[in-house]
Amino acid sequence: MRLLKAFIRIGRVDTVVRALQKAGAPGITISHVHGVGYDYDPQEYTFAPGVEGKAPEVAKIEVVCRRDDAGRLLRTVVETAGSGCRGDGIVFVTPVERAVKIRNGAEGTEALQS
């Protein structure tokens, strides 16, 4: 199994999620995060609540999938999240050692099924 962890522009979330669902992603987790890239300027951004100059809003999309599906789902994210401009985001793909569904104890790829 593989974990795809994509950090994308918040305005692209709906498009990417729809494309992942159409591509057969078994489940998708979306988080609202704040990200800073290589050009981070601490004078410009802050993480303090209610303070001006907050860090850019970014969405983190996570998908755990079968190893054979990872390449296809990765291409789906890259194709639908990208605009060709700086700040489009990044995707990390890592191995998943083990998955266990809490409800019924199913393991591995069976844990990814409903």
PDB file of N, CA and C in Angstrom:
ATOM      1  N   MET A   1       0.844  -1.184   0.000  1.00  0.00           N
ATOM      2  CA  MET A   1       0.000   0.000   0.000  1.00  0.00           C
ATOM      3  C   MET A   1       0.883   1.238   0.000  1.00  0.00           C
ATOM      4  N   ARG A   2       0.297   2.345  -0.452  1.00  0.00           N
ATOM      5  CA  ARG A   2       1.000   3.620  -0.523  1.00  0.00           C
ATOM      6  C   ARG A   2       0.125   4.732   0.056  1.00  0.00           C
ATOM      7  N   LEU A   3       0.791   5.743   0.601  1.00  0.00           N
ATOM      8  CA  LEU A   3       0.135   6.954   1.070  1.00  0.00           C
ATOM      9  C   LEU A   3       0.543   8.089   0.157  1.00  0.00           C
ATOM     10  N   LEU A   4      -0.437   8.724  -0.470  1.00  0.00           N
ATOM     11  CA  LEU A   4      -0.201   9.944  -1.236  1.00  0.00           C
ATOM     12  C   LEU A   4      -0.606  11.099  -0.343  1.00  0.00           C
ATOM     13  N   LYS A   5       0.316  12.002  -0.129  1.00  0.00           N
ATOM     14  CA  LYS A   5       0.053  13.186   0.689  1.00  0.00           C
ATOM     15  C   LYS A   5       0.340  14.397  -0.194  1.00  0.00           C
ATOM     16  N   ALA A   6      -0.727  15.086  -0.603  1.00  0.00           N
ATOM     17  CA  ALA A   6      -0.611  16.211  -1.526  1.00  0.00           C
ATOM     18  C   ALA A   6      -0.916  17.516  -0.811  1.00  0.00           C
ATOM     19  N   PHE A   7      -0.068  18.497  -1.015  1.00  0.00           N
ATOM     20  CA  PHE A   7      -0.288  19.847  -0.516  1.00  0.00           C
ATOM     21  C   PHE A   7      -0.594  20.699  -1.737  1.00  0.00           C
ATOM     22  N   ILE A   8      -1.829  21.203  -1.825  1.00  0.00           N
ATOM     23  CA  ILE A   8      -2.269  21.902  -3.029  1.00  0.00           C
ATOM     24  C   ILE A   8      -2.939  23.224  -2.673  1.00  0.00           C
ATOM     25  N   ARG A   9      -3.155  24.033  -3.700  1.00  0.00           N
ATOM     26  CA  ARG A   9      -3.887  25.290  -3.510  1.00  0.00           C
ATOM     27  C   ARG A   9      -5.304  24.967  -3.039  1.00  0.00           C
ATOM     28  N   ILE A  10      -5.770  25.730  -2.082  1.00  0.00           N
ATOM     29  CA  ILE A  10      -7.079  25.461  -1.489  1.00  0.00           C
ATOM     30  C   ILE A  10      -8.205  25.564  -2.516  1.00  0.00           C
ATOM     31  N   GLY A  11      -8.048  26.395  -3.511  1.00  0.00           N
ATOM     32  CA  GLY A  11      -9.069  26.565  -4.529  1.00  0.00           C
ATOM     33  C   GLY A  11      -9.176  25.398  -5.504  1.00  0.00           C
ATOM     34  N   ARG A  12      -8.245  24.451  -5.450  1.00  0.00           N
ATOM     35  CA  ARG A  12      -8.255  23.302  -6.354  1.00  0.00           C
ATOM     36  C   ARG A  12      -8.805  22.035  -5.700  1.00  0.00           C
ATOM     37  N   VAL A  13      -9.186  22.114  -4.441  1.00  0.00           N
ATOM     38  CA  VAL A  13      -9.604  20.926  -3.690  1.00  0.00           C
ATOM     39  C   VAL A  13     -10.770  20.201  -4.351  1.00  0.00           C
ATOM     40  N   ASP A  14     -11.841  20.901  -4.674  1.00  0.00           N
ATOM     41  CA  ASP A  14     -13.021  20.235  -5.242  1.00  0.00           C
ATOM     42  C   ASP A  14     -12.682  19.509  -6.536  1.00  0.00           C
ATOM     43  N   THR A  15     -11.917  20.157  -7.390  1.00  0.00           N
ATOM     44  CA  THR A  15     -11.536  19.557  -8.669  1.00  0.00           C
ATOM     45  C   THR A  15     -10.710  18.296  -8.454  1.00  0.00           C
ATOM     46  N   VAL A  16      -9.741  18.367  -7.551  1.00  0.00           N
ATOM     47  CA  VAL A  16      -8.861  17.229  -7.289  1.00  0.00           C
ATOM     48  C   VAL A  16      -9.640  16.084  -6.648  1.00  0.00           C
ATOM     49  N   VAL A  17     -10.481  16.379  -5.683  1.00  0.00           N
ATOM     50  CA  VAL A  17     -11.254  15.331  -5.007  1.00  0.00           C
ATOM     51  C   VAL A  17     -12.188  14.634  -5.991  1.00  0.00           C
ATOM     52  N   ARG A  18     -12.884  15.392  -6.833  1.00  0.00           N
ATOM     53  CA  ARG A  18     -13.767  14.769  -7.825  1.00  0.00           C
ATOM     54  C   ARG A  18     -12.977  13.858  -8.764  1.00  0.00           C
ATOM     55  N   ALA A  19     -11.812  14.330  -9.190  1.00  0.00           N
ATOM     56  CA  ALA A  19     -10.984  13.528 -10.100  1.00  0.00           C
ATOM     57  C   ALA A  19     -10.471  12.265  -9.408  1.00  0.00           C
ATOM     58  N   LEU A  20     -10.084  12.372  -8.139  1.00  0.00           N
ATOM     59  CA  LEU A  20      -9.622  11.191  -7.402  1.00  0.00           C
ATOM     60  C   LEU A  20     -10.757  10.179  -7.222  1.00  0.00           C
ATOM     61  N   GLN A  21     -11.949  10.666  -6.917  1.00  0.00           N
ATOM     62  CA  GLN A  21     -13.086   9.763  -6.779  1.00  0.00           C
ATOM     63  C   GLN A  21     -13.370   9.053  -8.098  1.00  0.00           C
ATOM     64  N   LYS A  22     -13.330   9.795  -9.186  1.00  0.00           N
ATOM     65  CA  LYS A  22     -13.562   9.209 -10.506  1.00  0.00           C
ATOM     66  C   LYS A  22     -12.474   8.192 -10.860  1.00  0.00           C
ATOM     67  N   ALA A  23     -11.249   8.440 -10.374  1.00  0.00           N
ATOM     68  CA  ALA A  23     -10.120   7.548 -10.645  1.00  0.00           C
ATOM     69  C   ALA A  23     -10.099   6.334  -9.723  1.00  0.00           C
ATOM     70  N   GLY A  24     -11.042   6.272  -8.772  1.00  0.00           N
ATOM     71  CA  GLY A  24     -11.159   5.085  -7.924  1.00  0.00           C
ATOM     72  C   GLY A  24     -10.421   5.145  -6.603  1.00  0.00           C
ATOM     73  N   ALA A  25     -10.131   6.342  -6.107  1.00  0.00           N
ATOM     74  CA  ALA A  25      -9.492   6.453  -4.786  1.00  0.00           C
ATOM     75  C   ALA A  25     -10.416   5.835  -3.744  1.00  0.00           C
ATOM     76  N   PRO A  26      -9.885   4.942  -2.880  1.00  0.00           N
ATOM     77  CA  PRO A  26     -10.738   4.248  -1.915  1.00  0.00           C
ATOM     78  C   PRO A  26     -11.263   5.149  -0.803  1.00  0.00           C
ATOM     79  N   GLY A  27     -10.592   6.227  -0.534  1.00  0.00           N
ATOM     80  CA  GLY A  27     -10.999   7.167   0.505  1.00  0.00           C
ATOM     81  C   GLY A  27     -10.054   8.345   0.484  1.00  0.00           C
ATOM     82  N   ILE A  28     -10.552   9.498   0.889  1.00  0.00           N
ATOM     83  CA  ILE A  28      -9.756  10.719   0.806  1.00  0.00           C
ATOM     84  C   ILE A  28      -9.915  11.490   2.112  1.00  0.00           C
ATOM     85  N   THR A  29      -8.807  11.958   2.643  1.00  0.00           N
ATOM     86  CA  THR A  29      -8.829  12.821   3.823  1.00  0.00           C
ATOM     87  C   THR A  29      -8.357  14.201   3.401  1.00  0.00           C
ATOM     88  N   ILE A  30      -9.097  15.230   3.805  1.00  0.00           N
ATOM     89  CA  ILE A  30      -8.754  16.603   3.443  1.00  0.00           C
ATOM     90  C   ILE A  30      -8.544  17.389   4.732  1.00  0.00           C
ATOM     91  N   SER A  31      -7.436  18.099   4.803  1.00  0.00           N
ATOM     92  CA  SER A  31      -7.145  18.957   5.951  1.00  0.00           C
ATOM     93  C   SER A  31      -6.828  20.356   5.461  1.00  0.00           C
ATOM     94  N   HIS A  32      -7.224  21.330   6.245  1.00  0.00           N
ATOM     95  CA  HIS A  32      -6.908  22.718   5.961  1.00  0.00           C
ATOM     96  C   HIS A  32      -5.640  23.048   6.749  1.00  0.00           C
ATOM     97  N   VAL A  33      -4.587  23.396   6.057  1.00  0.00           N
ATOM     98  CA  VAL A  33      -3.311  23.661   6.710  1.00  0.00           C
ATOM     99  C   VAL A  33      -2.758  25.001   6.239  1.00  0.00           C
ATOM    100  N   HIS A  34      -1.717  25.436   6.869  1.00  0.00           N
ATOM    101  CA  HIS A  34      -1.004  26.640   6.445  1.00  0.00           C
ATOM    102  C   HIS A  34       0.392  26.204   6.040  1.00  0.00           C
ATOM    103  N   GLY A  35       0.812  26.607   4.866  1.00  0.00           N
ATOM    104  CA  GLY A  35       2.113  26.175   4.387  1.00  0.00           C
ATOM    105  C   GLY A  35       2.972  27.343   3.964  1.00  0.00           C
ATOM    106  N   VAL A  36       4.254  27.140   4.059  1.00  0.00           N
ATOM    107  CA  VAL A  36       5.209  28.128   3.570  1.00  0.00           C
ATOM    108  C   VAL A  36       6.231  27.392   2.716  1.00  0.00           C
ATOM    109  N   GLY A  37       6.605  27.983   1.618  1.00  0.00           N
ATOM    110  CA  GLY A  37       7.555  27.362   0.709  1.00  0.00           C
ATOM    111  C   GLY A  37       8.966  27.851   0.960  1.00  0.00           C
ATOM    112  N   TYR A  38       9.786  27.675  -0.058  1.00  0.00           N
ATOM    113  CA  TYR A  38      11.200  28.036   0.052  1.00  0.00           C
ATOM    114  C   TYR A  38      11.410  29.530   0.238  1.00  0.00           C
ATOM    115  N   ASP A  39      10.452  30.324  -0.219  1.00  0.00           N
ATOM    116  CA  ASP A  39      10.607  31.780  -0.119  1.00  0.00           C
ATOM    117  C   ASP A  39       9.930  32.352   1.127  1.00  0.00           C
ATOM    118  N   TYR A  40       9.836  31.562   2.171  1.00  0.00           N
ATOM    119  CA  TYR A  40       9.203  31.983   3.426  1.00  0.00           C
ATOM    120  C   TYR A  40       9.913  33.192   4.013  1.00  0.00           C
ATOM    121  N   ASP A  41       9.160  34.219   4.313  1.00  0.00           N
ATOM    122  CA  ASP A  41       9.691  35.436   4.937  1.00  0.00           C
ATOM    123  C   ASP A  41       8.962  35.626   6.263  1.00  0.00           C
ATOM    124  N   PRO A  42       9.650  35.404   7.397  1.00  0.00           N
ATOM    125  CA  PRO A  42       8.977  35.515   8.697  1.00  0.00           C
ATOM    126  C   PRO A  42       8.431  36.913   8.974  1.00  0.00           C
ATOM    127  N   GLN A  43       8.915  37.921   8.260  1.00  0.00           N
ATOM    128  CA  GLN A  43       8.375  39.274   8.424  1.00  0.00           C
ATOM    129  C   GLN A  43       6.990  39.400   7.773  1.00  0.00           C
ATOM    130  N   GLU A  44       6.736  38.547   6.793  1.00  0.00           N
ATOM    131  CA  GLU A  44       5.497  38.626   6.034  1.00  0.00           C
ATOM    132  C   GLU A  44       4.391  37.741   6.602  1.00  0.00           C
ATOM    133  N   TYR A  45       4.758  36.590   7.180  1.00  0.00           N
ATOM    134  CA  TYR A  45       3.774  35.624   7.661  1.00  0.00           C
ATOM    135  C   TYR A  45       3.912  35.389   9.157  1.00  0.00           C
ATOM    136  N   THR A  46       2.786  35.006   9.753  1.00  0.00           N
ATOM    137  CA  THR A  46       2.789  34.608  11.151  1.00  0.00           C
ATOM    138  C   THR A  46       1.733  33.527  11.321  1.00  0.00           C
ATOM    139  N   PHE A  47       1.886  32.727  12.341  1.00  0.00           N
ATOM    140  CA  PHE A  47       0.905  31.675  12.604  1.00  0.00           C
ATOM    141  C   PHE A  47       0.008  32.034  13.782  1.00  0.00           C
ATOM    142  N   ALA A  48       0.189  33.206  14.358  1.00  0.00           N
ATOM    143  CA  ALA A  48      -0.606  33.610  15.508  1.00  0.00           C
ATOM    144  C   ALA A  48      -2.038  33.920  15.084  1.00  0.00           C
ATOM    145  N   PRO A  49      -3.032  33.373  15.798  1.00  0.00           N
ATOM    146  CA  PRO A  49      -4.424  33.642  15.436  1.00  0.00           C
ATOM    147  C   PRO A  49      -4.753  35.125  15.556  1.00  0.00           C
ATOM    148  N   GLY A  50      -5.498  35.640  14.583  1.00  0.00           N
ATOM    149  CA  GLY A  50      -5.950  37.021  14.628  1.00  0.00           C
ATOM    150  C   GLY A  50      -4.901  38.049  14.265  1.00  0.00           C
ATOM    151  N   VAL A  51      -3.718  37.621  13.873  1.00  0.00           N
ATOM    152  CA  VAL A  51      -2.652  38.548  13.519  1.00  0.00           C
ATOM    153  C   VAL A  51      -2.574  38.647  12.004  1.00  0.00           C
ATOM    154  N   GLU A  52      -2.387  39.859  11.494  1.00  0.00           N
ATOM    155  CA  GLU A  52      -2.297  40.048  10.048  1.00  0.00           C
ATOM    156  C   GLU A  52      -1.086  39.341   9.478  1.00  0.00           C
ATOM    157  N   GLY A  53      -1.153  39.053   8.177  1.00  0.00           N
ATOM    158  CA  GLY A  53      -0.028  38.420   7.502  1.00  0.00           C
ATOM    159  C   GLY A  53       0.062  36.932   7.763  1.00  0.00           C
ATOM    160  N   LYS A  54      -1.083  36.269   7.833  1.00  0.00           N
ATOM    161  CA  LYS A  54      -1.085  34.828   8.092  1.00  0.00           C
ATOM    162  C   LYS A  54      -0.405  34.068   6.953  1.00  0.00           C
ATOM    163  N   ALA A  55       0.093  32.893   7.268  1.00  0.00           N
ATOM    164  CA  ALA A  55       0.715  32.033   6.261  1.00  0.00           C
ATOM    165  C   ALA A  55      -0.333  31.607   5.239  1.00  0.00           C
ATOM    166  N   PRO A  56       0.082  31.322   4.008  1.00  0.00           N
ATOM    167  CA  PRO A  56      -0.869  30.937   2.960  1.00  0.00           C
ATOM    168  C   PRO A  56      -1.692  29.707   3.332  1.00  0.00           C
ATOM    169  N   GLU A  57      -2.979  29.743   2.966  1.00  0.00           N
ATOM    170  CA  GLU A  57      -3.855  28.596   3.206  1.00  0.00           C
ATOM    171  C   GLU A  57      -3.612  27.545   2.134  1.00  0.00           C
ATOM    172  N   VAL A  58      -3.501  26.313   2.571  1.00  0.00           N
ATOM    173  CA  VAL A  58      -3.206  25.188   1.694  1.00  0.00           C
ATOM    174  C   VAL A  58      -4.081  24.021   2.131  1.00  0.00           C
ATOM    175  N   ALA A  59      -4.410  23.149   1.209  1.00  0.00           N
ATOM    176  CA  ALA A  59      -5.140  21.929   1.551  1.00  0.00           C
ATOM    177  C   ALA A  59      -4.168  20.763   1.500  1.00  0.00           C
ATOM    178  N   LYS A  60      -4.320  19.867   2.460  1.00  0.00           N
ATOM    179  CA  LYS A  60      -3.562  18.617   2.448  1.00  0.00           C
ATOM    180  C   LYS A  60      -4.562  17.513   2.145  1.00  0.00           C
ATOM    181  N   ILE A  61      -4.296  16.786   1.082  1.00  0.00           N
ATOM    182  CA  ILE A  61      -5.150  15.672   0.679  1.00  0.00           C
ATOM    183  C   ILE A  61      -4.348  14.394   0.858  1.00  0.00           C
ATOM    184  N   GLU A  62      -4.927  13.442   1.582  1.00  0.00           N
ATOM    185  CA  GLU A  62      -4.245  12.173   1.828  1.00  0.00           C
ATOM    186  C   GLU A  62      -5.100  11.027   1.295  1.00  0.00           C
ATOM    187  N   VAL A  63      -4.432  10.101   0.616  1.00  0.00           N
ATOM    188  CA  VAL A  63      -5.093   8.918   0.071  1.00  0.00           C
ATOM    189  C   VAL A  63      -4.200   7.717   0.341  1.00  0.00           C
ATOM    190  N   VAL A  64      -4.752   6.693   0.974  1.00  0.00           N
ATOM    191  CA  VAL A  64      -4.043   5.420   1.107  1.00  0.00           C
ATOM    192  C   VAL A  64      -4.658   4.496   0.066  1.00  0.00           C
ATOM    193  N   CYS A  65      -3.793   3.867  -0.722  1.00  0.00           N
ATOM    194  CA  CYS A  65      -4.282   3.045  -1.822  1.00  0.00           C
ATOM    195  C   CYS A  65      -3.396   1.815  -2.025  1.00  0.00           C
ATOM    196  N   ARG A  66      -3.858   0.930  -2.893  1.00  0.00           N
ATOM    197  CA  ARG A  66      -3.038  -0.217  -3.263  1.00  0.00           C
ATOM    198  C   ARG A  66      -1.809   0.287  -4.017  1.00  0.00           C
ATOM    199  N   ARG A  67      -0.713  -0.412  -3.887  1.00  0.00           N
ATOM    200  CA  ARG A  67       0.530  -0.016  -4.544  1.00  0.00           C
ATOM    201  C   ARG A  67       0.337   0.135  -6.054  1.00  0.00           C
ATOM    202  N   ASP A  68      -0.432  -0.760  -6.651  1.00  0.00           N
ATOM    203  CA  ASP A  68      -0.655  -0.714  -8.097  1.00  0.00           C
ATOM    204  C   ASP A  68      -1.447   0.518  -8.546  1.00  0.00           C
ATOM    205  N   ASP A  69      -2.211   1.133  -7.643  1.00  0.00           N
ATOM    206  CA  ASP A  69      -3.024   2.299  -7.985  1.00  0.00           C
ATOM    207  C   ASP A  69      -2.302   3.620  -7.750  1.00  0.00           C
ATOM    208  N   ALA A  70      -1.193   3.591  -7.054  1.00  0.00           N
ATOM    209  CA  ALA A  70      -0.523   4.824  -6.631  1.00  0.00           C
ATOM    210  C   ALA A  70      -0.101   5.699  -7.803  1.00  0.00           C
ATOM    211  N   GLY A  71       0.465   5.129  -8.838  1.00  0.00           N
ATOM    212  CA  GLY A  71       0.916   5.924  -9.979  1.00  0.00           C
ATOM    213  C   GLY A  71      -0.226   6.638 -10.673  1.00  0.00           C
ATOM    214  N   ARG A  72      -1.327   5.931 -10.870  1.00  0.00           N
ATOM    215  CA  ARG A  72      -2.495   6.515 -11.530  1.00  0.00           C
ATOM    216  C   ARG A  72      -3.092   7.647 -10.692  1.00  0.00           C
ATOM    217  N   LEU A  73      -3.195   7.426  -9.384  1.00  0.00           N
ATOM    218  CA  LEU A  73      -3.758   8.461  -8.514  1.00  0.00           C
ATOM    219  C   LEU A  73      -2.812   9.655  -8.394  1.00  0.00           C
ATOM    220  N   LEU A  74      -1.519   9.400  -8.390  1.00  0.00           N
ATOM    221  CA  LEU A  74      -0.534  10.485  -8.369  1.00  0.00           C
ATOM    222  C   LEU A  74      -0.687  11.352  -9.622  1.00  0.00           C
ATOM    223  N   ARG A  75      -0.783  10.721 -10.785  1.00  0.00           N
ATOM    224  CA  ARG A  75      -0.964  11.479 -12.034  1.00  0.00           C
ATOM    225  C   ARG A  75      -2.257  12.289 -11.987  1.00  0.00           C
ATOM    226  N   THR A  76      -3.294  11.713 -11.408  1.00  0.00           N
ATOM    227  CA  THR A  76      -4.569  12.418 -11.295  1.00  0.00           C
ATOM    228  C   THR A  76      -4.407  13.699 -10.488  1.00  0.00           C
ATOM    229  N   VAL A  77      -3.710  13.617  -9.365  1.00  0.00           N
ATOM    230  CA  VAL A  77      -3.499  14.810  -8.532  1.00  0.00           C
ATOM    231  C   VAL A  77      -2.684  15.846  -9.290  1.00  0.00           C
ATOM    232  N   VAL A  78      -1.580  15.434  -9.865  1.00  0.00           N
ATOM    233  CA  VAL A  78      -0.690  16.369 -10.561  1.00  0.00           C
ATOM    234  C   VAL A  78      -1.424  17.053 -11.718  1.00  0.00           C
ATOM    235  N   GLU A  79      -2.184  16.282 -12.491  1.00  0.00           N
ATOM    236  CA  GLU A  79      -2.887  16.846 -13.643  1.00  0.00           C
ATOM    237  C   GLU A  79      -4.008  17.800 -13.245  1.00  0.00           C
ATOM    238  N   THR A  80      -4.688  17.527 -12.137  1.00  0.00           N
ATOM    239  CA  THR A  80      -5.835  18.364 -11.772  1.00  0.00           C
ATOM    240  C   THR A  80      -5.487  19.491 -10.814  1.00  0.00           C
ATOM    241  N   ALA A  81      -4.396  19.378 -10.082  1.00  0.00           N
ATOM    242  CA  ALA A  81      -4.029  20.424  -9.119  1.00  0.00           C
ATOM    243  C   ALA A  81      -3.159  21.502  -9.748  1.00  0.00           C
ATOM    244  N   GLY A  82      -2.489  21.160 -10.825  1.00  0.00           N
ATOM    245  CA  GLY A  82      -1.496  22.074 -11.390  1.00  0.00           C
ATOM    246  C   GLY A  82      -2.068  23.167 -12.266  1.00  0.00           C
ATOM    247  N   SER A  83      -1.428  24.326 -12.183  1.00  0.00           N
ATOM    248  CA  SER A  83      -1.753  25.449 -13.061  1.00  0.00           C
ATOM    249  C   SER A  83      -0.515  25.869 -13.849  1.00  0.00           C
ATOM    250  N   GLY A  84       0.630  25.253 -13.517  1.00  0.00           N
ATOM    251  CA  GLY A  84       1.880  25.629 -14.163  1.00  0.00           C
ATOM    252  C   GLY A  84       2.564  26.799 -13.498  1.00  0.00           C
ATOM    253  N   CYS A  85       2.027  27.248 -12.373  1.00  0.00           N
ATOM    254  CA  CYS A  85       2.588  28.398 -11.669  1.00  0.00           C
ATOM    255  C   CYS A  85       3.265  27.969 -10.367  1.00  0.00           C
ATOM    256  N   ARG A  86       4.169  28.791  -9.913  1.00  0.00           N
ATOM    257  CA  ARG A  86       4.826  28.552  -8.634  1.00  0.00           C
ATOM    258  C   ARG A  86       3.770  28.479  -7.534  1.00  0.00           C
ATOM    259  N   GLY A  87       3.947  27.551  -6.617  1.00  0.00           N
ATOM    260  CA  GLY A  87       2.999  27.411  -5.509  1.00  0.00           C
ATOM    261  C   GLY A  87       1.883  26.422  -5.763  1.00  0.00           C
ATOM    262  N   ASP A  88       1.954  25.688  -6.878  1.00  0.00           N
ATOM    263  CA  ASP A  88       0.917  24.682  -7.166  1.00  0.00           C
ATOM    264  C   ASP A  88       0.896  23.588  -6.113  1.00  0.00           C
ATOM    265  N   GLY A  89       2.026  23.294  -5.493  1.00  0.00           N
ATOM    266  CA  GLY A  89       2.059  22.305  -4.427  1.00  0.00           C
ATOM    267  C   GLY A  89       3.046  21.197  -4.683  1.00  0.00           C
ATOM    268  N   ILE A  90       2.907  20.144  -3.897  1.00  0.00           N
ATOM    269  CA  ILE A  90       3.808  19.003  -3.960  1.00  0.00           C
ATOM    270  C   ILE A  90       3.062  17.767  -3.478  1.00  0.00           C
ATOM    271  N   VAL A  91       3.481  16.597  -3.976  1.00  0.00           N
ATOM    272  CA  VAL A  91       2.883  15.331  -3.545  1.00  0.00           C
ATOM    273  C   VAL A  91       4.000  14.422  -3.068  1.00  0.00           C
ATOM    274  N   PHE A  92       3.808  13.820  -1.906  1.00  0.00           N
ATOM    275  CA  PHE A  92       4.742  12.831  -1.374  1.00  0.00           C
ATOM    276  C   PHE A  92       4.065  11.463  -1.458  1.00  0.00           C
ATOM    277  N   VAL A  93       4.814  10.462  -1.868  1.00  0.00           N
ATOM    278  CA  VAL A  93       4.304   9.095  -1.915  1.00  0.00           C
ATOM    279  C   VAL A  93       5.205   8.250  -1.031  1.00  0.00           C
ATOM    280  N   THR A  94       4.595   7.611  -0.030  1.00  0.00           N
ATOM    281  CA  THR A  94       5.368   6.810   0.915  1.00  0.00           C
ATOM    282  C   THR A  94       4.712   5.446   1.105  1.00  0.00           C
ATOM    283  N   PRO A  95       5.506   4.451   1.481  1.00  0.00           N
ATOM    284  CA  PRO A  95       4.924   3.129   1.748  1.00  0.00           C
ATOM    285  C   PRO A  95       4.100   3.145   3.035  1.00  0.00           C
ATOM    286  N   VAL A  96       3.057   2.337   3.063  1.00  0.00           N
ATOM    287  CA  VAL A  96       2.265   2.130   4.269  1.00  0.00           C
ATOM    288  C   VAL A  96       2.575   0.722   4.756  1.00  0.00           C
ATOM    289  N   GLU A  97       3.116   0.642   5.947  1.00  0.00           N
ATOM    290  CA  GLU A  97       3.525  -0.652   6.484  1.00  0.00           C
ATOM    291  C   GLU A  97       2.347  -1.544   6.838  1.00  0.00           C
ATOM    292  N   ARG A  98       1.304  -0.928   7.402  1.00  0.00           N
ATOM    293  CA  ARG A  98       0.185  -1.738   7.858  1.00  0.00           C
ATOM    294  C   ARG A  98      -1.050  -0.858   8.001  1.00  0.00           C
ATOM    295  N   ALA A  99      -2.203  -1.434   7.718  1.00  0.00           N
ATOM    296  CA  ALA A  99      -3.482  -0.754   7.921  1.00  0.00           C
ATOM    297  C   ALA A  99      -4.453  -1.736   8.550  1.00  0.00           C
ATOM    298  N   VAL A 100      -5.161  -1.280   9.584  1.00  0.00           N
ATOM    299  CA  VAL A 100      -6.153  -2.122  10.265  1.00  0.00           C
ATOM    300  C   VAL A 100      -7.421  -1.292  10.446  1.00  0.00           C
ATOM    301  N   LYS A 101      -8.540  -1.802   9.952  1.00  0.00           N
ATOM    302  CA  LYS A 101      -9.819  -1.118  10.130  1.00  0.00           C
ATOM    303  C   LYS A 101     -10.301  -1.383  11.548  1.00  0.00           C
ATOM    304  N   ILE A 102     -10.576  -0.335  12.269  1.00  0.00           N
ATOM    305  CA  ILE A 102     -10.962  -0.447  13.673  1.00  0.00           C
ATOM    306  C   ILE A 102     -12.288  -1.189  13.829  1.00  0.00           C
ATOM    307  N   ARG A 103     -13.247  -0.922  12.952  1.00  0.00           N
ATOM    308  CA  ARG A 103     -14.595  -1.501  13.075  1.00  0.00           C
ATOM    309  C   ARG A 103     -14.584  -3.025  13.085  1.00  0.00           C
ATOM    310  N   ASN A 104     -13.820  -3.641  12.154  1.00  0.00           N
ATOM    311  CA  ASN A 104     -13.911  -5.094  12.033  1.00  0.00           C
ATOM    312  C   ASN A 104     -12.568  -5.821  12.033  1.00  0.00           C
ATOM    313  N   GLY A 105     -11.479  -5.084  12.204  1.00  0.00           N
ATOM    314  CA  GLY A 105     -10.166  -5.709  12.261  1.00  0.00           C
ATOM    315  C   GLY A 105      -9.584  -6.097  10.908  1.00  0.00           C
ATOM    316  N   ALA A 106     -10.254  -5.726   9.801  1.00  0.00           N
ATOM    317  CA  ALA A 106      -9.730  -6.037   8.466  1.00  0.00           C
ATOM    318  C   ALA A 106      -8.365  -5.390   8.299  1.00  0.00           C
ATOM    319  N   GLU A 107      -7.466  -6.112   7.629  1.00  0.00           N
ATOM    320  CA  GLU A 107      -6.101  -5.609   7.456  1.00  0.00           C
ATOM    321  C   GLU A 107      -5.731  -5.483   6.000  1.00  0.00           C
ATOM    322  N   GLY A 108      -4.685  -4.695   5.778  1.00  0.00           N
ATOM    323  CA  GLY A 108      -4.155  -4.507   4.433  1.00  0.00           C
ATOM    324  C   GLY A 108      -5.148  -3.806   3.517  1.00  0.00           C
ATOM    325  N   THR A 109      -5.144  -4.208   2.255  1.00  0.00           N
ATOM    326  CA  THR A 109      -6.051  -3.557   1.296  1.00  0.00           C
ATOM    327  C   THR A 109      -7.521  -3.802   1.635  1.00  0.00           C
ATOM    328  N   GLU A 110      -7.816  -4.886   2.369  1.00  0.00           N
ATOM    329  CA  GLU A 110      -9.212  -5.108   2.807  1.00  0.00           C
ATOM    330  C   GLU A 110      -9.672  -4.008   3.755  1.00  0.00           C
ATOM    331  N   ALA A 111      -8.751  -3.403   4.485  1.00  0.00           N
ATOM    332  CA  ALA A 111      -9.105  -2.305   5.388  1.00  0.00           C
ATOM    333  C   ALA A 111      -9.529  -1.059   4.619  1.00  0.00           C
ATOM    334  N   LEU A 112      -9.162  -0.972   3.351  1.00  0.00           N
ATOM    335  CA  LEU A 112      -9.505   0.197   2.538  1.00  0.00           C
ATOM    336  C   LEU A 112     -10.899   0.107   1.933  1.00  0.00           C
ATOM    337  N   GLN A 113     -11.514  -1.063   2.030  1.00  0.00           N
ATOM    338  CA  GLN A 113     -12.841  -1.254   1.455  1.00  0.00           C
ATOM    339  C   GLN A 113     -13.922  -0.871   2.463  1.00  0.00           C
ATOM    340  N   SER A 114     -15.074  -0.467   1.958  1.00  0.00           N
ATOM    341  CA  SER A 114     -16.153  -0.043   2.868  1.00  0.00           C
ATOM    342  C   SER A 114     -16.832  -1.216   3.526  1.00  0.00           C
TER     343      SER A 114
END
